[in-house]
């Protein structure tokens, strides 16, 4: 018995000596930048950020420049004469601007919700192996990325069959489905939603809709937020659908209204003799008004973007790690 205990103690002593170097073994150095390189990278990224922000800041400065200063000195980073006349000119039509703002916000909110819901449901269905016809529906979505019916058939469908002319749905439905976003979300669901979790929920008796709403959606917030941001930008900047289907001035969105204002300013510039005769051309800040229109149409999205930023970055990096 004593010999067995002595043998066990010797084995434990040997094991301890073998494990001791492993515990004291220094961790493998993580390759990283040195202090000088970190400073250089920070400076370079700061310069790149400034390059990205500078055009928008420049537009804001020009919008607050007087028209006489722009005519005499051109575009300057620090104008010799500051003025609010561009915004005062746009404020004269504040009723139409505020109404167009409301239409654009309404179309953007409803359109983004409908677009994200439709894309998420479609892409989730074709990402599940249980769906028998997933290959066929994937091909249908992919086919529309390569071929489309064209503008004339789309116009006929919207006006003659759906009777959506002069309706906000004419600005929502054409942009609601996007085959490229469907493919992105399909890949997202395949990579980020483990099938064993869904299978366990099915065993517990949960239906597909409940699984999607209570399990898939919370796990897919980065991807859904990325698609929502893309859809929001698409609806906010869209003017083409309104130019096709909207004649009612009460339903004109912001981008379409700003284009009409810019076209009017350009018409007056090209027909300056008529405008000078009418006495209207002198009082209109043309360049400043154009820059002010860019500011009021871009500023809301620029303010909203930081709230989506963390989800947007997470959605872009999903799938970057090889499984």
Protein backbone atom coordinates (compact mmCIF):
# COMPACT_ATOMS: atom_id res chain seq x y z
CA UNK A 1 0.00 0.00 0.00
CA UNK A 2 2.83 2.31 0.89
CA UNK A 3 4.48 1.55 -2.42
CA UNK A 4 1.29 2.41 -4.32
CA UNK A 5 0.95 5.73 -2.51
CA UNK A 6 4.57 6.52 -3.20
CA UNK A 7 4.09 5.70 -6.90
CA UNK A 8 1.00 7.93 -7.08
CA UNK A 9 2.89 10.80 -5.45
CA UNK A 10 5.73 10.41 -7.93
CA UNK A 11 3.29 10.48 -10.85
CA UNK A 12 1.62 13.64 -9.53
CA UNK A 13 5.04 15.24 -9.02
CA UNK A 14 6.04 14.45 -12.60
CA UNK A 15 2.69 15.74 -13.90
CA UNK A 16 3.16 18.96 -11.94
CA UNK A 17 6.60 19.47 -13.37
CA UNK A 18 5.24 18.91 -16.90
CA UNK A 19 2.36 21.37 -16.45
CA UNK A 20 4.42 24.04 -14.70
CA UNK A 21 6.28 25.22 -17.82
CA UNK A 22 3.00 25.30 -19.73
CA UNK A 23 1.47 27.60 -17.13
CA UNK A 24 4.51 29.83 -17.00
CA UNK A 25 4.94 29.80 -20.76
CA UNK A 26 4.52 33.35 -22.01
CA UNK A 27 1.55 33.98 -24.21
CA UNK A 28 2.15 34.37 -27.88
CA UNK A 29 2.72 37.98 -28.74
CA UNK A 30 -0.16 39.65 -30.54
CA UNK A 31 1.00 41.37 -33.65
CA UNK A 32 0.03 45.03 -33.47
CA UNK A 33 1.06 48.52 -34.49
CA UNK A 34 3.71 50.42 -32.60
CA UNK A 35 3.08 53.83 -31.09
CA UNK A 36 4.46 55.70 -34.08
CA UNK A 37 2.42 53.59 -36.48
CA UNK A 38 -0.72 54.16 -34.39
CA UNK A 39 -0.16 57.91 -34.54
CA UNK A 40 0.38 57.74 -38.32
CA UNK A 41 -2.78 55.65 -38.81
CA UNK A 42 -4.85 58.03 -36.66
CA UNK A 43 -3.59 61.01 -38.66
CA UNK A 44 -4.34 59.26 -41.95
CA UNK A 45 -7.87 58.28 -40.84
CA UNK A 46 -8.49 61.82 -39.60
CA UNK A 47 -7.47 63.19 -43.01
CA UNK A 48 -9.75 60.70 -44.79
CA UNK A 49 -12.64 61.64 -42.49
CA UNK A 50 -12.03 65.32 -43.18
CA UNK A 51 -12.00 64.65 -46.93
CA UNK A 52 -15.39 62.93 -46.60
CA UNK A 53 -16.92 65.66 -44.43
CA UNK A 54 -15.39 68.66 -46.19
CA UNK A 55 -17.74 68.74 -49.25
CA UNK A 56 -20.82 68.86 -47.04
CA UNK A 57 -19.31 71.57 -44.83
CA UNK A 58 -18.36 73.49 -47.96
CA UNK A 59 -21.94 73.29 -49.23
CA UNK A 60 -23.22 74.62 -45.89
CA UNK A 61 -20.80 77.57 -46.08
CA UNK A 62 -21.86 78.40 -49.65
CA UNK A 63 -25.54 78.26 -48.65
CA UNK A 64 -24.84 80.98 -46.06
CA UNK A 65 -22.94 83.19 -48.54
CA UNK A 66 -24.53 86.20 -50.18
CA UNK A 67 -25.24 86.01 -53.89
CA UNK A 68 -23.26 89.19 -54.56
CA UNK A 69 -20.21 87.68 -52.82
CA UNK A 70 -20.53 84.48 -54.87
CA UNK A 71 -20.85 86.48 -58.10
CA UNK A 72 -17.84 88.67 -57.32
CA UNK A 73 -15.46 86.21 -55.62
CA UNK A 74 -16.76 82.78 -56.51
CA UNK A 75 -16.99 79.93 -54.03
CA UNK A 76 -14.86 80.56 -50.94
CA UNK A 77 -14.33 78.53 -47.81
CA UNK A 78 -14.70 81.72 -45.74
CA UNK A 79 -16.99 84.09 -47.67
CA UNK A 80 -16.51 87.83 -47.40
CA UNK A 81 -20.21 88.35 -46.80
CA UNK A 82 -22.51 86.02 -44.89
CA UNK A 83 -26.19 85.97 -45.69
CA UNK A 84 -29.40 84.05 -44.99
CA UNK A 85 -31.06 85.11 -48.24
CA UNK A 86 -31.00 81.57 -49.70
CA UNK A 87 -32.92 80.17 -46.74
CA UNK A 88 -35.19 83.23 -46.70
CA UNK A 89 -36.01 82.56 -50.36
CA UNK A 90 -36.90 78.94 -49.59
CA UNK A 91 -38.82 80.01 -46.48
CA UNK A 92 -41.20 81.98 -48.70
CA UNK A 93 -42.51 78.63 -49.94
CA UNK A 94 -42.45 77.04 -46.47
CA UNK A 95 -45.99 75.73 -46.80
CA UNK A 96 -45.16 73.54 -49.79
CA UNK A 97 -41.78 72.59 -48.33
CA UNK A 98 -43.24 71.44 -45.02
CA UNK A 99 -45.96 69.51 -46.81
CA UNK A 100 -43.38 67.83 -49.06
CA UNK A 101 -41.28 67.06 -45.98
CA UNK A 102 -44.29 65.35 -44.43
CA UNK A 103 -44.97 63.31 -47.58
CA UNK A 104 -41.33 62.24 -47.80
CA UNK A 105 -41.20 61.24 -44.12
CA UNK A 106 -44.46 59.30 -44.46
CA UNK A 107 -43.31 57.48 -47.60
CA UNK A 108 -39.89 56.77 -46.07
CA UNK A 109 -41.28 55.34 -42.81
CA UNK A 110 -44.03 53.22 -44.37
CA UNK A 111 -41.82 52.15 -47.25
CA UNK A 112 -38.92 51.13 -45.00
CA UNK A 113 -41.19 49.06 -42.74
CA UNK A 114 -42.86 47.34 -45.70
CA UNK A 115 -39.56 46.79 -47.49
CA UNK A 116 -37.76 45.29 -44.49
CA UNK A 117 -40.73 43.04 -43.66
CA UNK A 118 -41.11 41.73 -47.21
CA UNK A 119 -37.38 41.24 -47.79
CA UNK A 120 -36.88 39.54 -44.41
CA UNK A 121 -39.79 37.12 -44.90
CA UNK A 122 -38.80 36.25 -48.45
CA UNK A 123 -35.11 35.78 -47.68
CA UNK A 124 -35.82 33.77 -44.51
CA UNK A 125 -38.04 31.37 -46.45
CA UNK A 126 -35.47 30.67 -49.17
CA UNK A 127 -32.71 30.28 -46.57
CA UNK A 128 -34.39 27.35 -44.78
CA UNK A 129 -33.75 23.82 -46.10
CA UNK A 130 -37.27 22.78 -45.05
CA UNK A 131 -38.80 25.00 -47.75
CA UNK A 132 -39.34 22.71 -50.73
CA UNK A 133 -39.31 25.39 -53.45
CA UNK A 134 -36.46 27.51 -52.12
CA UNK A 135 -34.35 27.02 -55.27
CA UNK A 136 -37.17 28.15 -57.55
CA UNK A 137 -37.90 31.28 -55.52
CA UNK A 138 -34.20 32.06 -55.25
CA UNK A 139 -33.96 31.86 -59.04
CA UNK A 140 -36.96 34.17 -59.41
CA UNK A 141 -35.32 36.79 -57.19
CA UNK A 142 -31.95 36.41 -58.90
CA UNK A 143 -33.50 36.60 -62.38
CA UNK A 144 -34.92 40.07 -61.66
CA UNK A 145 -31.39 41.29 -60.92
CA UNK A 146 -30.45 40.56 -64.54
CA UNK A 147 -33.65 41.30 -66.45
CA UNK A 148 -36.63 43.58 -65.91
CA UNK A 149 -39.82 44.34 -67.76
CA UNK A 150 -38.88 47.96 -68.35
CA UNK A 151 -40.42 51.31 -67.50
CA UNK A 152 -43.43 51.13 -69.85
CA UNK A 153 -44.82 47.80 -68.49
CA UNK A 154 -44.20 49.01 -64.94
CA UNK A 155 -46.11 52.22 -65.67
CA UNK A 156 -49.02 50.28 -67.19
CA UNK A 157 -49.19 47.95 -64.19
CA UNK A 158 -49.12 50.80 -61.68
CA UNK A 159 -51.68 53.01 -63.45
CA UNK A 160 -53.97 50.67 -65.41
CA UNK A 161 -54.07 47.53 -63.26
CA UNK A 162 -53.35 48.76 -59.73
CA UNK A 163 -54.81 52.27 -60.25
CA UNK A 164 -52.20 53.84 -57.97
CA UNK A 165 -51.66 57.07 -59.85
CA UNK A 166 -51.58 60.06 -57.47
CA UNK A 167 -51.22 57.76 -54.47
CA UNK A 168 -48.38 57.44 -51.97
CA UNK A 169 -48.35 53.69 -52.67
CA UNK A 170 -47.09 54.49 -56.16
CA UNK A 171 -43.93 55.79 -54.46
CA UNK A 172 -43.71 52.88 -52.01
CA UNK A 173 -44.42 49.63 -53.86
CA UNK A 174 -41.92 49.96 -56.75
CA UNK A 175 -39.03 50.17 -54.26
CA UNK A 176 -40.37 47.74 -51.66
CA UNK A 177 -38.65 44.63 -53.02
CA UNK A 178 -34.99 44.55 -53.94
CA UNK A 179 -33.42 41.31 -55.17
CA UNK A 180 -29.93 42.34 -54.11
CA UNK A 181 -31.07 42.93 -50.52
CA UNK A 182 -32.86 39.56 -50.59
CA UNK A 183 -29.59 37.83 -51.47
CA UNK A 184 -27.78 39.70 -48.69
CA UNK A 185 -30.35 38.71 -46.07
CA UNK A 186 -30.47 35.12 -47.35
CA UNK A 187 -26.72 34.81 -46.80
CA UNK A 188 -27.09 36.52 -43.42
CA UNK A 189 -29.72 34.02 -42.27
CA UNK A 190 -27.66 31.07 -43.52
CA UNK A 191 -24.54 32.19 -41.66
CA UNK A 192 -25.99 33.72 -38.50
CA UNK A 193 -29.06 31.64 -37.57
CA UNK A 194 -28.08 28.16 -36.36
CA UNK A 195 -30.50 25.50 -37.55
CA UNK A 196 -30.35 23.50 -34.23
CA UNK A 197 -31.90 26.46 -32.38
CA UNK A 198 -34.81 26.60 -34.81
CA UNK A 199 -35.18 22.83 -34.70
CA UNK A 200 -35.38 22.91 -30.91
CA UNK A 201 -38.15 25.51 -31.14
CA UNK A 202 -40.06 23.32 -33.59
CA UNK A 203 -39.78 20.37 -31.23
CA UNK A 204 -41.27 22.56 -28.48
CA UNK A 205 -44.26 23.18 -30.74
CA UNK A 206 -43.51 26.70 -32.02
CA UNK A 207 -44.81 27.61 -35.46
CA UNK A 208 -42.71 29.15 -38.21
CA UNK A 209 -44.17 32.64 -37.74
CA UNK A 210 -43.53 32.55 -34.00
CA UNK A 211 -39.99 31.27 -34.57
CA UNK A 212 -39.36 34.08 -37.04
CA UNK A 213 -40.74 36.85 -34.82
CA UNK A 214 -39.40 35.74 -31.44
CA UNK A 215 -36.12 34.08 -32.38
CA UNK A 216 -34.94 35.02 -35.86
CA UNK A 217 -35.70 38.75 -35.75
CA UNK A 218 -33.86 39.43 -32.42
CA UNK A 219 -30.83 37.54 -33.72
CA UNK A 220 -30.91 39.39 -37.04
CA UNK A 221 -31.01 43.02 -35.90
CA UNK A 222 -27.64 43.97 -37.49
CA UNK A 223 -28.67 42.63 -40.89
CA UNK A 224 -32.19 44.07 -40.70
CA UNK A 225 -30.86 47.47 -39.60
CA UNK A 226 -28.46 47.50 -42.55
CA UNK A 227 -31.26 46.74 -45.00
CA UNK A 228 -33.46 49.33 -43.27
CA UNK A 229 -30.76 51.98 -43.69
CA UNK A 230 -30.35 51.18 -47.39
CA UNK A 231 -34.13 51.26 -47.89
CA UNK A 232 -34.45 54.52 -45.98
CA UNK A 233 -31.81 56.18 -48.16
CA UNK A 234 -33.52 54.84 -51.28
CA UNK A 235 -36.96 56.19 -50.32
CA UNK A 236 -35.64 59.51 -49.03
CA UNK A 237 -33.62 60.28 -52.17
CA UNK A 238 -36.16 58.96 -54.66
CA UNK A 239 -37.74 61.49 -57.01
CA UNK A 240 -38.23 59.37 -60.12
CA UNK A 241 -41.37 57.54 -58.97
CA UNK A 242 -43.06 60.84 -58.11
CA UNK A 243 -42.20 62.25 -61.54
CA UNK A 244 -43.97 59.28 -63.15
CA UNK A 245 -47.05 58.80 -61.02
CA UNK A 246 -47.71 62.02 -59.07
CA UNK A 247 -49.52 65.04 -60.54
CA UNK A 248 -51.26 66.16 -57.37
CA UNK A 249 -49.21 69.01 -55.81
CA UNK A 250 -50.32 67.89 -52.35
CA UNK A 251 -48.48 64.58 -52.81
CA UNK A 252 -45.19 65.87 -54.21
CA UNK A 253 -42.26 64.61 -52.09
CA UNK A 254 -39.33 66.76 -51.03
CA UNK A 255 -36.80 65.60 -53.62
CA UNK A 256 -39.24 66.09 -56.49
CA UNK A 257 -40.16 69.57 -55.22
CA UNK A 258 -36.51 70.59 -54.93
CA UNK A 259 -35.89 69.39 -58.48
CA UNK A 260 -38.76 71.52 -59.73
CA UNK A 261 -37.35 74.55 -57.89
CA UNK A 262 -33.91 73.92 -59.36
CA UNK A 263 -35.37 73.51 -62.86
CA UNK A 264 -37.18 76.82 -62.45
CA UNK A 265 -33.95 78.52 -61.35
CA UNK A 266 -32.12 77.02 -64.32
CA UNK A 267 -34.88 78.17 -66.69
CA UNK A 268 -34.59 81.70 -65.35
CA UNK A 269 -30.80 81.57 -65.72
CA UNK A 270 -31.06 80.47 -69.36
CA UNK A 271 -33.74 83.09 -70.06
CA UNK A 272 -32.17 85.89 -68.10
CA UNK A 273 -33.53 88.62 -70.35
CA UNK A 274 -37.10 87.60 -69.61
CA UNK A 275 -36.32 87.25 -65.92
CA UNK A 276 -34.63 90.66 -65.75
CA UNK A 277 -37.59 92.19 -67.54
CA UNK A 278 -39.91 90.68 -64.95
CA UNK A 279 -37.63 91.96 -62.18
CA UNK A 280 -37.50 88.58 -60.45
CA UNK A 281 -34.04 87.35 -61.40
CA UNK A 282 -32.16 89.94 -59.36
CA UNK A 283 -33.78 88.98 -56.08
CA UNK A 284 -33.20 85.23 -56.34
CA UNK A 285 -30.05 83.74 -54.77
CA UNK A 286 -29.50 81.06 -57.39
CA UNK A 287 -26.33 79.31 -56.27
CA UNK A 288 -27.05 79.80 -52.59
CA UNK A 289 -30.59 78.45 -53.02
CA UNK A 290 -29.28 75.31 -54.72
CA UNK A 291 -26.83 74.67 -51.91
CA UNK A 292 -29.52 75.38 -49.31
CA UNK A 293 -31.74 72.77 -50.99
CA UNK A 294 -28.93 70.23 -50.71
CA UNK A 295 -28.56 71.04 -47.01
CA UNK A 296 -32.25 70.72 -46.10
CA UNK A 297 -32.59 67.48 -48.08
CA UNK A 298 -29.42 65.84 -46.71
CA UNK A 299 -29.34 67.04 -43.10
CA UNK A 300 -32.12 64.76 -41.73
CA UNK A 301 -30.42 61.62 -43.08
CA UNK A 302 -27.03 62.81 -41.78
CA UNK A 303 -28.58 63.25 -38.32
CA UNK A 304 -30.30 59.86 -38.42
CA UNK A 305 -27.29 57.85 -39.58
CA UNK A 306 -25.41 57.74 -36.22
CA UNK A 307 -28.34 55.87 -34.64
CA UNK A 308 -27.93 53.07 -37.24
CA UNK A 309 -24.14 53.12 -37.28
CA UNK A 310 -23.40 50.28 -34.89
CA UNK A 311 -25.94 48.00 -36.57
CA UNK A 312 -24.70 49.04 -39.99
CA UNK A 313 -21.08 48.14 -39.17
CA UNK A 314 -22.15 44.84 -37.59
CA UNK A 315 -24.22 43.98 -40.64
CA UNK A 316 -21.36 44.67 -43.01
CA UNK A 317 -18.91 42.53 -41.02
CA UNK A 318 -21.24 39.54 -40.68
CA UNK A 319 -19.79 36.61 -42.60
CA UNK A 320 -16.31 38.10 -42.62
CA UNK A 321 -15.03 35.27 -40.36
CA UNK A 322 -14.67 31.92 -42.07
CA UNK A 323 -16.49 29.13 -40.25
